Amino acid sequence: MNRTAKLLAIAAALASFGAAAQAAPAVSLDSAVFVERAAPAGRMLQPANDLSRGDRVVYVVNWYKLGGDGGFVVTNPLPRTVYYQGSANGDEEVSIDGGRTWGKLGAMRVGGRLATPEDITHVRWRVDPRTASRGQGRIAYSAIVR
């Protein structure tokens, strides 16, 4: 992946979070993108300054509830330059049609076949009122560079 394409992918992923939280309650999101690399002691995360096809990237989204009651939803459109792998807690919903319909990957179909991670266009997480009442939290998920 060339430098321009990589930067566009990262910028798209980070920019998507700014509008991801729903209107009520007020939520602020802060995100970072890392690449997983081999290290002498195993695997480690490094800032995603240079990406290549096949690299595993890890997105970390910190959320802060600023006010209001109830839960909220965080939605992330995926850049075309990556395909989704999974999240740390596994309770996400995915869309394969640009965010029009949602479900679990194993239950979604594209034409006559089951959808694959490469088909996912958007991912969302519902933060329930009890979790939201803590005031802050983190969502982490990974993707593979195409």
Foldseek 3Di string as FASTA:
>chain_A
DDQVLQVVQQVLQQVLQCPFKDDPPDKDKDKFKWWWDADPVGIDTDGPNDDDAFIKMKMKMKMFGPDGAWKIKGKTFGDLQKFFDAKPVRPKWFDLPQPPDIHHQQPDDDVPHRDDSNSTGMIMDIQGRVNVVVGMDMIMTMIGGD
